[in-house]
Amino acid sequence: MIQGLLTDRVHLKVHTPTKELSLYVLTRAASGPKLTEAYR
């Protein structure tokens, strides 16, 4: 809402960059917790 108002009034342009991040899954195993990379 505020971003739209600023765009209309002062011609402000906002750029949001996209970033590729790794995703991990925490699972419980018999030997203890395991952190593995998630598949996309």
N, C-alpha and C. Protein backbone atom coordinates (compact mmCIF):
# COMPACT_ATOMS: atom_id res chain seq x y z
N MET A 1 0.83 -1.19 0.00
CA MET A 1 0.00 0.00 0.00
C MET A 1 0.87 1.25 0.00
N ILE A 2 1.83 1.33 0.91
CA ILE A 2 2.71 2.50 0.97
C ILE A 2 3.60 2.55 -0.26
N GLN A 3 4.05 1.40 -0.72
CA GLN A 3 4.91 1.36 -1.91
C GLN A 3 4.15 1.89 -3.13
N GLY A 4 2.89 1.54 -3.26
CA GLY A 4 2.07 2.06 -4.35
C GLY A 4 1.88 3.56 -4.26
N LEU A 5 1.67 4.07 -3.06
CA LEU A 5 1.51 5.51 -2.85
C LEU A 5 2.79 6.25 -3.22
N LEU A 6 3.94 5.72 -2.79
CA LEU A 6 5.21 6.37 -3.12
C LEU A 6 5.48 6.31 -4.63
N THR A 7 5.08 5.24 -5.26
CA THR A 7 5.26 5.13 -6.71
C THR A 7 4.43 6.19 -7.43
N ASP A 8 3.19 6.38 -6.99
CA ASP A 8 2.31 7.37 -7.63
C ASP A 8 2.76 8.80 -7.35
N ARG A 9 3.11 9.09 -6.12
CA ARG A 9 3.40 10.48 -5.73
C ARG A 9 4.78 10.95 -6.12
N VAL A 10 5.82 10.17 -5.87
CA VAL A 10 7.20 10.62 -6.11
C VAL A 10 7.92 9.78 -7.17
N HIS A 11 7.17 8.93 -7.86
CA HIS A 11 7.73 8.10 -8.93
C HIS A 11 8.91 7.27 -8.44
N LEU A 12 8.78 6.75 -7.21
CA LEU A 12 9.80 5.89 -6.62
C LEU A 12 9.69 4.50 -7.24
N LYS A 13 10.82 3.94 -7.64
CA LYS A 13 10.84 2.59 -8.18
C LYS A 13 11.64 1.70 -7.24
N VAL A 14 11.08 0.55 -6.90
CA VAL A 14 11.72 -0.39 -5.99
C VAL A 14 12.07 -1.66 -6.76
N HIS A 15 13.29 -2.10 -6.63
CA HIS A 15 13.74 -3.33 -7.28
C HIS A 15 14.06 -4.34 -6.19
N THR A 16 13.47 -5.53 -6.32
CA THR A 16 13.76 -6.60 -5.36
C THR A 16 14.53 -7.69 -6.10
N PRO A 17 15.79 -7.88 -5.77
CA PRO A 17 16.58 -8.90 -6.45
C PRO A 17 16.16 -10.31 -6.02
N THR A 18 16.26 -11.25 -6.94
CA THR A 18 15.99 -12.65 -6.59
C THR A 18 17.32 -13.35 -6.33
N LYS A 19 17.32 -14.20 -5.36
CA LYS A 19 18.54 -14.87 -4.95
C LYS A 19 18.28 -16.37 -4.87
N GLU A 20 19.19 -17.15 -5.41
CA GLU A 20 19.09 -18.61 -5.35
C GLU A 20 19.73 -19.08 -4.05
N LEU A 21 18.94 -19.73 -3.20
CA LEU A 21 19.43 -20.22 -1.92
C LEU A 21 19.27 -21.73 -1.83
N SER A 22 20.13 -22.36 -1.06
CA SER A 22 20.02 -23.79 -0.82
C SER A 22 18.98 -24.04 0.27
N LEU A 23 18.26 -25.14 0.13
CA LEU A 23 17.23 -25.50 1.09
C LEU A 23 17.63 -26.81 1.75
N TYR A 24 17.60 -26.84 3.06
CA TYR A 24 18.01 -28.04 3.81
C TYR A 24 16.85 -28.56 4.64
N VAL A 25 16.88 -29.86 4.89
CA VAL A 25 15.84 -30.52 5.69
C VAL A 25 16.51 -31.16 6.90
N LEU A 26 15.94 -30.90 8.07
CA LEU A 26 16.43 -31.50 9.31
C LEU A 26 15.55 -32.70 9.62
N THR A 27 16.15 -33.89 9.64
CA THR A 27 15.40 -35.12 9.92
C THR A 27 15.97 -35.81 11.14
N ARG A 28 15.16 -36.66 11.73
CA ARG A 28 15.59 -37.42 12.90
C ARG A 28 15.94 -38.83 12.47
N ALA A 29 17.16 -39.23 12.75
CA ALA A 29 17.62 -40.58 12.41
C ALA A 29 17.98 -41.32 13.71
N ALA A 30 18.22 -42.60 13.60
CA ALA A 30 18.56 -43.41 14.78
C ALA A 30 19.87 -42.93 15.41
N SER A 31 20.79 -42.45 14.58
CA SER A 31 22.08 -41.99 15.10
C SER A 31 22.06 -40.54 15.56
N GLY A 32 20.93 -39.86 15.39
CA GLY A 32 20.82 -38.46 15.79
C GLY A 32 20.27 -37.62 14.65
N PRO A 33 20.20 -36.31 14.86
CA PRO A 33 19.64 -35.44 13.82
C PRO A 33 20.54 -35.39 12.57
N LYS A 34 19.89 -35.31 11.41
CA LYS A 34 20.61 -35.27 10.13
C LYS A 34 20.15 -34.06 9.34
N LEU A 35 21.10 -33.35 8.75
CA LEU A 35 20.80 -32.18 7.92
C LEU A 35 21.16 -32.55 6.49
N THR A 36 20.14 -32.62 5.62
CA THR A 36 20.39 -32.99 4.22
C THR A 36 19.82 -31.91 3.30
N GLU A 37 20.42 -31.81 2.11
CA GLU A 37 19.95 -30.83 1.14
C GLU A 37 18.65 -31.34 0.52
N ALA A 38 17.67 -30.45 0.41
CA ALA A 38 16.37 -30.81 -0.14
C ALA A 38 16.42 -30.78 -1.66
N TYR A 39 15.65 -31.63 -2.29
CA TYR A 39 15.53 -31.66 -3.75
C TYR A 39 14.45 -30.69 -4.17
N ARG A 40 14.65 -30.04 -5.31
CA ARG A 40 13.62 -29.11 -5.81
C ARG A 40 12.91 -29.69 -6.98
